[in-house]
Amino acid sequence: MSKLTIALFLNRFTVLCGCSLAVGCSRPGPSGHDAGADVADILPLAWGLCVLGLATLRRADAELEEATALVGETDLAIDRERVRARWQLVTDADYFALLGVRRDATGFEIRRAYQAARRDFAADGFPTDLRRELARELDDIAIVLDEAFRVLRDDRLRGTYLSNLID
C-alpha cells in the first residue's frame, strides 16, 4: 500500500467517522471526499492497522496536549496535597526522607526510590490546571530529587552528607 493510498484512506476515515488514525506517514494526502470508499470498506482496514500496531485511533477533534482523563475535585485535592507534602520535604532538605529510604539503604534501593519519585512527581503526570498551579513546587522537587540521587549514590558524598546531617 503506497503512502498516497494510506493518506487517502486516513483522510476518508477521518471524514466518515470523526476519528483519525495516526500512522507514520510524513505527508498528508488530498481530501478524502473523492476517494470513493464506504465506511464498510474502511473500518475493517482501520481495525487491522490498529491490531497490527501500525496505527492508533484517536478522536479527530481531541486536543492532544489537553487530553486528560476526567479528574474530580477530590483527585485534584489529593494530588495537590501530595505534591505540597513532598515539597515540604524538599524544604527540610533530608534526602533520605525525600526519597523515602532508610539511611543504610543500598544503591539499588536508592535508585529504585529515585526512579519511582521522578515518575510520581513528573509534571506530565498531572492535569494541566494542577501542573500550572504547582509548577514551582514540581520543579523544585525534580531538582532536589536529582541532587539527592547524585549525592546518595556516591559513597564518598553520602558519607560527607551523613556526617553533616542534623538528626
N, C-alpha and C. Protein backbone atom coordinates (compact mmCIF):
# COMPACT_ATOMS: atom_id res chain seq x y z
N MET A 1 0.87 -1.17 0.00
CA MET A 1 0.00 0.00 0.00
C MET A 1 0.91 1.23 0.00
N SER A 2 0.71 2.14 -0.94
CA SER A 2 1.57 3.32 -1.05
C SER A 2 1.17 4.37 -0.01
N LYS A 3 2.06 5.34 0.17
CA LYS A 3 1.78 6.40 1.13
C LYS A 3 0.57 7.22 0.71
N LEU A 4 0.40 7.42 -0.59
CA LEU A 4 -0.75 8.17 -1.07
C LEU A 4 -2.04 7.42 -0.78
N THR A 5 -2.03 6.10 -0.97
CA THR A 5 -3.21 5.30 -0.67
C THR A 5 -3.54 5.36 0.82
N ILE A 6 -2.51 5.25 1.65
CA ILE A 6 -2.72 5.34 3.10
C ILE A 6 -3.27 6.72 3.46
N ALA A 7 -2.71 7.77 2.86
CA ALA A 7 -3.17 9.13 3.16
C ALA A 7 -4.63 9.31 2.74
N LEU A 8 -4.99 8.80 1.56
CA LEU A 8 -6.38 8.88 1.12
C LEU A 8 -7.30 8.13 2.08
N PHE A 9 -6.85 6.94 2.48
CA PHE A 9 -7.62 6.14 3.42
C PHE A 9 -7.82 6.88 4.74
N LEU A 10 -6.74 7.46 5.27
CA LEU A 10 -6.82 8.16 6.55
C LEU A 10 -7.73 9.37 6.47
N ASN A 11 -7.62 10.12 5.39
CA ASN A 11 -8.49 11.29 5.23
C ASN A 11 -9.96 10.85 5.14
N ARG A 12 -10.23 9.79 4.38
CA ARG A 12 -11.60 9.32 4.23
C ARG A 12 -12.13 8.79 5.57
N PHE A 13 -11.27 8.10 6.31
CA PHE A 13 -11.67 7.58 7.62
C PHE A 13 -12.02 8.72 8.57
N THR A 14 -11.22 9.79 8.56
CA THR A 14 -11.47 10.93 9.41
C THR A 14 -12.79 11.60 9.05
N VAL A 15 -13.06 11.75 7.77
CA VAL A 15 -14.30 12.39 7.32
C VAL A 15 -15.51 11.56 7.71
N LEU A 16 -15.45 10.24 7.52
CA LEU A 16 -16.60 9.38 7.76
C LEU A 16 -16.87 9.13 9.24
N CYS A 17 -15.83 8.98 10.03
CA CYS A 17 -16.02 8.51 11.40
C CYS A 17 -15.80 9.58 12.46
N GLY A 18 -15.25 10.72 12.12
CA GLY A 18 -14.97 11.73 13.12
C GLY A 18 -13.77 11.38 13.99
N CYS A 19 -13.01 10.39 13.59
CA CYS A 19 -11.81 9.98 14.31
C CYS A 19 -10.65 10.04 13.33
N SER A 20 -9.46 10.02 13.86
CA SER A 20 -8.31 9.98 12.97
C SER A 20 -7.40 8.85 13.38
N LEU A 21 -6.68 8.34 12.42
CA LEU A 21 -5.68 7.31 12.68
C LEU A 21 -4.31 7.95 12.54
N ALA A 22 -3.45 7.71 13.50
CA ALA A 22 -2.10 8.23 13.43
C ALA A 22 -1.20 7.12 12.91
N VAL A 23 -0.65 7.34 11.74
CA VAL A 23 0.24 6.37 11.10
C VAL A 23 1.50 7.10 10.74
N GLY A 24 2.59 6.40 10.60
CA GLY A 24 3.87 7.03 10.31
C GLY A 24 3.99 7.57 8.91
N CYS A 25 3.03 8.30 8.42
CA CYS A 25 3.12 8.95 7.11
C CYS A 25 3.66 10.35 7.28
N SER A 26 4.54 10.75 6.39
CA SER A 26 5.18 12.05 6.56
C SER A 26 4.41 13.18 5.90
N ARG A 27 3.63 12.88 4.86
CA ARG A 27 2.91 13.97 4.20
C ARG A 27 1.43 13.64 4.11
N PRO A 28 0.61 14.62 4.35
CA PRO A 28 -0.83 14.36 4.25
C PRO A 28 -1.24 14.25 2.79
N GLY A 29 -2.26 13.47 2.56
CA GLY A 29 -2.76 13.31 1.21
C GLY A 29 -3.83 14.32 0.90
N PRO A 30 -4.43 14.24 -0.28
CA PRO A 30 -5.51 15.14 -0.63
C PRO A 30 -6.76 14.80 0.16
N SER A 31 -7.76 15.64 0.01
CA SER A 31 -9.01 15.44 0.74
C SER A 31 -9.60 14.08 0.37
N GLY A 32 -10.15 13.40 1.35
CA GLY A 32 -10.68 12.06 1.14
C GLY A 32 -12.09 12.02 0.61
N HIS A 33 -12.70 13.15 0.33
CA HIS A 33 -14.09 13.16 -0.13
C HIS A 33 -14.25 12.45 -1.45
N ASP A 34 -13.22 12.45 -2.29
CA ASP A 34 -13.36 11.85 -3.61
C ASP A 34 -12.73 10.47 -3.68
N ALA A 35 -12.39 9.88 -2.54
CA ALA A 35 -11.72 8.58 -2.54
C ALA A 35 -12.67 7.46 -2.93
N GLY A 36 -13.98 7.65 -2.76
CA GLY A 36 -14.96 6.67 -3.18
C GLY A 36 -15.10 5.48 -2.25
N ALA A 37 -14.52 5.52 -1.09
CA ALA A 37 -14.60 4.40 -0.16
C ALA A 37 -15.82 4.57 0.75
N ASP A 38 -16.37 3.47 1.15
CA ASP A 38 -17.52 3.45 2.04
C ASP A 38 -17.04 3.07 3.44
N VAL A 39 -17.83 3.37 4.47
CA VAL A 39 -17.47 3.04 5.84
C VAL A 39 -17.23 1.54 5.97
N ALA A 40 -18.02 0.73 5.28
CA ALA A 40 -17.87 -0.72 5.34
C ALA A 40 -16.54 -1.17 4.77
N ASP A 41 -15.96 -0.40 3.86
CA ASP A 41 -14.65 -0.72 3.30
C ASP A 41 -13.52 -0.27 4.22
N ILE A 42 -13.73 0.84 4.89
CA ILE A 42 -12.65 1.47 5.66
C ILE A 42 -12.49 0.88 7.05
N LEU A 43 -13.57 0.60 7.74
CA LEU A 43 -13.48 0.14 9.13
C LEU A 43 -12.67 -1.15 9.30
N PRO A 44 -12.86 -2.18 8.46
CA PRO A 44 -12.01 -3.38 8.65
C PRO A 44 -10.53 -3.10 8.45
N LEU A 45 -10.21 -2.26 7.48
CA LEU A 45 -8.81 -1.91 7.26
C LEU A 45 -8.25 -1.11 8.44
N ALA A 46 -9.04 -0.19 8.96
CA ALA A 46 -8.60 0.60 10.12
C ALA A 46 -8.40 -0.30 11.33
N TRP A 47 -9.33 -1.21 11.54
CA TRP A 47 -9.20 -2.15 12.66
C TRP A 47 -7.94 -2.99 12.51
N GLY A 48 -7.69 -3.47 11.32
CA GLY A 48 -6.49 -4.28 11.06
C GLY A 48 -5.21 -3.51 11.33
N LEU A 49 -5.16 -2.25 10.90
CA LEU A 49 -3.97 -1.43 11.17
C LEU A 49 -3.76 -1.23 12.66
N CYS A 50 -4.86 -1.03 13.39
CA CYS A 50 -4.76 -0.84 14.84
C CYS A 50 -4.30 -2.12 15.54
N VAL A 51 -4.84 -3.25 15.12
CA VAL A 51 -4.49 -4.54 15.73
C VAL A 51 -3.01 -4.85 15.48
N LEU A 52 -2.53 -4.55 14.30
CA LEU A 52 -1.12 -4.81 13.97
C LEU A 52 -0.17 -3.80 14.61
N GLY A 53 -0.71 -2.77 15.22
CA GLY A 53 0.13 -1.77 15.85
C GLY A 53 0.69 -0.75 14.87
N LEU A 54 0.16 -0.74 13.65
CA LEU A 54 0.64 0.20 12.64
C LEU A 54 -0.07 1.54 12.71
N ALA A 55 -1.15 1.60 13.47
CA ALA A 55 -1.91 2.83 13.60
C ALA A 55 -2.52 2.88 15.00
N THR A 56 -2.80 4.09 15.44
CA THR A 56 -3.51 4.28 16.70
C THR A 56 -4.73 5.12 16.42
N LEU A 57 -5.79 4.83 17.10
CA LEU A 57 -7.06 5.53 16.88
C LEU A 57 -7.20 6.63 17.91
N ARG A 58 -7.60 7.81 17.48
CA ARG A 58 -7.86 8.91 18.40
C ARG A 58 -8.95 9.79 17.80
N ARG A 59 -9.64 10.52 18.67
CA ARG A 59 -10.68 11.43 18.21
C ARG A 59 -10.04 12.54 17.40
N ALA A 60 -10.62 12.88 16.28
CA ALA A 60 -10.06 13.91 15.41
C ALA A 60 -10.15 15.28 16.07
N ASP A 61 -11.18 15.50 16.88
CA ASP A 61 -11.35 16.82 17.49
C ASP A 61 -10.68 16.91 18.86
N ALA A 62 -10.02 15.87 19.30
CA ALA A 62 -9.39 15.88 20.61
C ALA A 62 -8.05 16.62 20.54
N GLU A 63 -7.85 17.49 21.45
CA GLU A 63 -6.59 18.22 21.56
C GLU A 63 -5.62 17.33 22.31
N LEU A 64 -4.50 16.98 21.68
CA LEU A 64 -3.57 16.03 22.29
C LEU A 64 -2.95 16.58 23.57
N GLU A 65 -2.61 17.85 23.61
CA GLU A 65 -1.95 18.42 24.79
C GLU A 65 -2.90 18.47 25.97
N GLU A 66 -4.14 18.77 25.71
CA GLU A 66 -5.09 18.94 26.80
C GLU A 66 -5.87 17.67 27.11
N ALA A 67 -5.61 16.59 26.37
CA ALA A 67 -6.36 15.36 26.59
C ALA A 67 -5.94 14.71 27.90
N THR A 68 -6.82 14.75 28.87
CA THR A 68 -6.56 14.11 30.16
C THR A 68 -7.80 13.35 30.57
N ALA A 69 -7.61 12.43 31.45
CA ALA A 69 -8.75 11.68 31.96
C ALA A 69 -9.62 12.62 32.79
N LEU A 70 -10.86 12.23 32.95
CA LEU A 70 -11.74 13.02 33.80
C LEU A 70 -11.23 12.94 35.22
N VAL A 71 -10.99 14.09 35.80
CA VAL A 71 -10.43 14.15 37.15
C VAL A 71 -11.38 14.94 38.01
N GLY A 72 -11.75 14.37 39.15
CA GLY A 72 -12.65 15.04 40.06
C GLY A 72 -11.90 15.98 40.98
N GLU A 73 -12.63 16.81 41.66
CA GLU A 73 -12.03 17.76 42.60
C GLU A 73 -11.31 17.05 43.73
N THR A 74 -11.83 15.90 44.14
CA THR A 74 -11.18 15.14 45.21
C THR A 74 -9.81 14.66 44.76
N ASP A 75 -9.72 14.17 43.53
CA ASP A 75 -8.44 13.72 42.99
C ASP A 75 -7.45 14.87 42.92
N LEU A 76 -7.92 16.02 42.48
CA LEU A 76 -7.04 17.19 42.40
C LEU A 76 -6.56 17.60 43.79
N ALA A 77 -7.45 17.55 44.77
CA ALA A 77 -7.06 17.91 46.13
C ALA A 77 -6.03 16.93 46.69
N ILE A 78 -6.21 15.65 46.39
CA ILE A 78 -5.25 14.64 46.86
C ILE A 78 -3.89 14.87 46.21
N ASP A 79 -3.88 15.09 44.90
CA ASP A 79 -2.61 15.34 44.19
C ASP A 79 -1.95 16.61 44.70
N ARG A 80 -2.74 17.65 44.90
CA ARG A 80 -2.22 18.92 45.39
C ARG A 80 -1.56 18.73 46.76
N GLU A 81 -2.23 18.02 47.65
CA GLU A 81 -1.69 17.78 48.99
C GLU A 81 -0.45 16.91 48.95
N ARG A 82 -0.44 15.92 48.06
CA ARG A 82 0.72 15.03 47.92
C ARG A 82 1.95 15.79 47.43
N VAL A 83 1.75 16.68 46.46
CA VAL A 83 2.88 17.47 45.95
C VAL A 83 3.37 18.43 47.02
N ARG A 84 2.46 19.07 47.72
CA ARG A 84 2.88 20.02 48.76
C ARG A 84 3.58 19.32 49.92
N ALA A 85 3.17 18.11 50.27
CA ALA A 85 3.84 17.36 51.34
C ALA A 85 5.25 16.98 50.91
N ARG A 86 5.43 16.57 49.65
CA ARG A 86 6.76 16.23 49.17
C ARG A 86 7.62 17.48 49.06
N TRP A 87 6.99 18.61 48.69
CA TRP A 87 7.73 19.87 48.60
C TRP A 87 8.21 20.31 49.98
N GLN A 88 7.43 20.01 51.01
CA GLN A 88 7.85 20.32 52.39
C GLN A 88 9.12 19.53 52.73
N LEU A 89 9.21 18.29 52.27
CA LEU A 89 10.43 17.51 52.47
C LEU A 89 11.61 18.12 51.72
N VAL A 90 11.33 18.74 50.58
CA VAL A 90 12.38 19.43 49.83
C VAL A 90 12.92 20.59 50.64
N THR A 91 12.03 21.34 51.25
CA THR A 91 12.49 22.49 52.04
C THR A 91 13.19 22.04 53.33
N ASP A 92 12.84 20.83 53.84
CA ASP A 92 13.53 20.30 55.01
C ASP A 92 14.93 19.80 54.66
N ALA A 93 15.17 19.49 53.39
CA ALA A 93 16.47 19.08 52.86
C ALA A 93 16.99 17.79 53.48
N ASP A 94 16.12 16.83 53.74
CA ASP A 94 16.55 15.50 54.17
C ASP A 94 16.38 14.57 52.97
N TYR A 95 17.50 14.23 52.33
CA TYR A 95 17.45 13.44 51.11
C TYR A 95 16.86 12.05 51.33
N PHE A 96 17.14 11.46 52.49
CA PHE A 96 16.61 10.13 52.77
C PHE A 96 15.08 10.16 52.89
N ALA A 97 14.56 11.14 53.59
CA ALA A 97 13.10 11.28 53.73
C ALA A 97 12.47 11.62 52.38
N LEU A 98 13.15 12.44 51.61
CA LEU A 98 12.63 12.83 50.30
C LEU A 98 12.47 11.61 49.39
N LEU A 99 13.47 10.72 49.42
CA LEU A 99 13.39 9.52 48.60
C LEU A 99 12.59 8.40 49.27
N GLY A 100 12.37 8.53 50.57
CA GLY A 100 11.62 7.51 51.29
C GLY A 100 12.41 6.25 51.55
N VAL A 101 13.72 6.38 51.81
CA VAL A 101 14.58 5.22 52.08
C VAL A 101 15.21 5.37 53.46
N ARG A 102 15.69 4.23 53.99
CA ARG A 102 16.41 4.25 55.26
C ARG A 102 17.80 4.85 55.04
N ARG A 103 18.45 5.21 56.12
CA ARG A 103 19.78 5.80 56.00
C ARG A 103 20.84 4.78 55.60
N ASP A 104 20.56 3.51 55.80
CA ASP A 104 21.51 2.47 55.40
C ASP A 104 21.05 1.76 54.10
N ALA A 105 20.28 2.44 53.30
CA ALA A 105 19.75 1.86 52.05
C ALA A 105 20.89 1.57 51.08
N THR A 106 20.70 0.52 50.29
CA THR A 106 21.69 0.16 49.28
C THR A 106 21.54 1.08 48.07
N GLY A 107 22.53 1.03 47.20
CA GLY A 107 22.47 1.81 45.97
C GLY A 107 21.28 1.43 45.10
N PHE A 108 20.97 0.14 45.09
CA PHE A 108 19.82 -0.34 44.32
C PHE A 108 18.52 0.25 44.86
N GLU A 109 18.35 0.24 46.19
CA GLU A 109 17.13 0.81 46.80
C GLU A 109 17.03 2.30 46.53
N ILE A 110 18.16 2.98 46.58
CA ILE A 110 18.16 4.43 46.32
C ILE A 110 17.76 4.70 44.87
N ARG A 111 18.33 3.92 43.94
CA ARG A 111 17.99 4.13 42.53
C ARG A 111 16.51 3.84 42.28
N ARG A 112 15.98 2.77 42.84
CA ARG A 112 14.56 2.44 42.66
C ARG A 112 13.66 3.53 43.25
N ALA A 113 14.02 4.02 44.44
CA ALA A 113 13.22 5.07 45.08
C ALA A 113 13.28 6.35 44.25
N TYR A 114 14.45 6.67 43.72
CA TYR A 114 14.61 7.86 42.88
C TYR A 114 13.74 7.75 41.62
N GLN A 115 13.82 6.61 40.95
CA GLN A 115 13.04 6.43 39.73
C GLN A 115 11.53 6.50 40.01
N ALA A 116 11.11 5.91 41.11
CA ALA A 116 9.68 5.96 41.46
C ALA A 116 9.24 7.39 41.79
N ALA A 117 10.08 8.12 42.52
CA ALA A 117 9.74 9.50 42.87
C ALA A 117 9.70 10.39 41.63
N ARG A 118 10.65 10.20 40.71
CA ARG A 118 10.64 11.00 39.48
C ARG A 118 9.39 10.71 38.65
N ARG A 119 9.01 9.45 38.63
CA ARG A 119 7.82 9.07 37.89
C ARG A 119 6.56 9.62 38.57
N ASP A 120 6.50 9.55 39.89
CA ASP A 120 5.32 10.01 40.62
C ASP A 120 5.15 11.52 40.57
N PHE A 121 6.25 12.25 40.49
CA PHE A 121 6.18 13.70 40.54
C PHE A 121 6.60 14.37 39.24
N ALA A 122 6.53 13.63 38.15
CA ALA A 122 6.77 14.22 36.84
C ALA A 122 5.60 15.14 36.50
N ALA A 123 5.91 16.31 35.99
CA ALA A 123 4.86 17.30 35.70
C ALA A 123 3.85 16.77 34.68
N ASP A 124 4.29 15.91 33.76
CA ASP A 124 3.38 15.38 32.74
C ASP A 124 2.30 14.48 33.31
N GLY A 125 2.50 13.99 34.52
CA GLY A 125 1.54 13.09 35.13
C GLY A 125 0.36 13.78 35.79
N PHE A 126 0.35 15.10 35.79
CA PHE A 126 -0.71 15.85 36.46
C PHE A 126 -1.56 16.57 35.42
N PRO A 127 -2.83 16.80 35.74
CA PRO A 127 -3.69 17.58 34.83
C PRO A 127 -3.11 18.98 34.60
N THR A 128 -3.44 19.55 33.47
CA THR A 128 -2.85 20.82 33.05
C THR A 128 -3.05 21.93 34.07
N ASP A 129 -4.25 22.06 34.62
CA ASP A 129 -4.50 23.13 35.59
C ASP A 129 -3.64 22.96 36.83
N LEU A 130 -3.55 21.75 37.33
CA LEU A 130 -2.74 21.48 38.52
C LEU A 130 -1.26 21.67 38.22
N ARG A 131 -0.85 21.30 37.01
CA ARG A 131 0.54 21.48 36.59
C ARG A 131 0.92 22.96 36.60
N ARG A 132 0.02 23.81 36.12
CA ARG A 132 0.29 25.26 36.13
C ARG A 132 0.33 25.80 37.55
N GLU A 133 -0.60 25.33 38.38
CA GLU A 133 -0.70 25.81 39.76
C GLU A 133 0.53 25.42 40.59
N LEU A 134 1.03 24.23 40.37
CA LEU A 134 2.13 23.71 41.19
C LEU A 134 3.45 23.65 40.43
N ALA A 135 3.62 24.46 39.42
CA ALA A 135 4.82 24.41 38.59
C ALA A 135 6.09 24.63 39.40
N ARG A 136 6.09 25.60 40.28
CA ARG A 136 7.29 25.89 41.08
C ARG A 136 7.64 24.72 41.99
N GLU A 137 6.62 24.16 42.65
CA GLU A 137 6.85 23.04 43.56
C GLU A 137 7.37 21.81 42.81
N LEU A 138 6.76 21.52 41.66
CA LEU A 138 7.19 20.36 40.88
C LEU A 138 8.62 20.53 40.37
N ASP A 139 8.97 21.75 39.95
CA ASP A 139 10.35 22.00 39.51
C ASP A 139 11.33 21.84 40.65
N ASP A 140 10.99 22.38 41.82
CA ASP A 140 11.86 22.24 43.00
C ASP A 140 12.04 20.77 43.38
N ILE A 141 10.97 20.02 43.35
CA ILE A 141 11.04 18.59 43.69
C ILE A 141 11.96 17.87 42.71
N ALA A 142 11.82 18.14 41.42
CA ALA A 142 12.65 17.48 40.41
C ALA A 142 14.12 17.81 40.61
N ILE A 143 14.42 19.06 40.88
CA ILE A 143 15.81 19.48 41.06
C ILE A 143 16.42 18.80 42.28
N VAL A 144 15.71 18.81 43.40
CA VAL A 144 16.25 18.24 44.64
C VAL A 144 16.28 16.71 44.56
N LEU A 145 15.35 16.09 43.87
CA LEU A 145 15.42 14.64 43.68
C LEU A 145 16.69 14.26 42.91
N ASP A 146 17.00 15.01 41.86
CA ASP A 146 18.23 14.75 41.10
C ASP A 146 19.46 14.93 41.98
N GLU A 147 19.47 15.98 42.77
CA GLU A 147 20.59 16.24 43.67
C GLU A 147 20.71 15.15 44.72
N ALA A 148 19.59 14.72 45.29
CA ALA A 148 19.60 13.65 46.31
C ALA A 148 20.14 12.36 45.72
N PHE A 149 19.73 12.02 44.53
CA PHE A 149 20.22 10.80 43.89
C PHE A 149 21.72 10.90 43.62
N ARG A 150 22.16 12.05 43.14
CA ARG A 150 23.59 12.24 42.86
C ARG A 150 24.43 12.10 44.13
N VAL A 151 23.95 12.64 45.24
CA VAL A 151 24.71 12.60 46.49
C VAL A 151 24.65 11.21 47.12
N LEU A 152 23.48 10.60 47.17
CA LEU A 152 23.33 9.34 47.89
C LEU A 152 23.88 8.12 47.15
N ARG A 153 24.01 8.19 45.85
CA ARG A 153 24.55 7.03 45.13
C ARG A 153 26.07 6.97 45.20
N ASP A 154 26.72 8.09 45.48
CA ASP A 154 28.18 8.14 45.61
C ASP A 154 28.54 7.96 47.09
N ASP A 155 29.31 6.90 47.41
CA ASP A 155 29.61 6.57 48.81
C ASP A 155 30.37 7.69 49.52
N ARG A 156 31.28 8.34 48.82
CA ARG A 156 32.05 9.43 49.45
C ARG A 156 31.15 10.62 49.76
N LEU A 157 30.34 11.03 48.79
CA LEU A 157 29.42 12.15 49.01
C LEU A 157 28.36 11.79 50.07
N ARG A 158 27.94 10.57 50.05
CA ARG A 158 26.94 10.12 51.02
C ARG A 158 27.51 10.17 52.44
N GLY A 159 28.76 9.74 52.61
CA GLY A 159 29.40 9.81 53.93
C GLY A 159 29.54 11.24 54.42
N THR A 160 29.92 12.13 53.52
CA THR A 160 30.02 13.55 53.89
C THR A 160 28.65 14.10 54.25
N TYR A 161 27.64 13.75 53.48
CA TYR A 161 26.28 14.21 53.76
C TYR A 161 25.81 13.71 55.12
N LEU A 162 26.04 12.43 55.40
CA LEU A 162 25.62 11.85 56.69
C LEU A 162 26.34 12.50 57.86
N SER A 163 27.61 12.83 57.68
CA SER A 163 28.36 13.45 58.80
C SER A 163 27.86 14.86 59.07
N ASN A 164 27.30 15.52 58.08
CA ASN A 164 26.81 16.88 58.27
C ASN A 164 25.31 16.96 58.51
N LEU A 165 24.63 15.82 58.47
CA LEU A 165 23.18 15.79 58.64
C LEU A 165 22.83 15.93 60.11
N ILE A 166 21.94 16.82 60.40
CA ILE A 166 21.47 17.05 61.77
C ILE A 166 20.24 16.20 61.98
N ASP A 167 20.27 15.38 63.04
CA ASP A 167 19.11 14.49 63.29
C ASP A 167 17.98 15.20 63.96
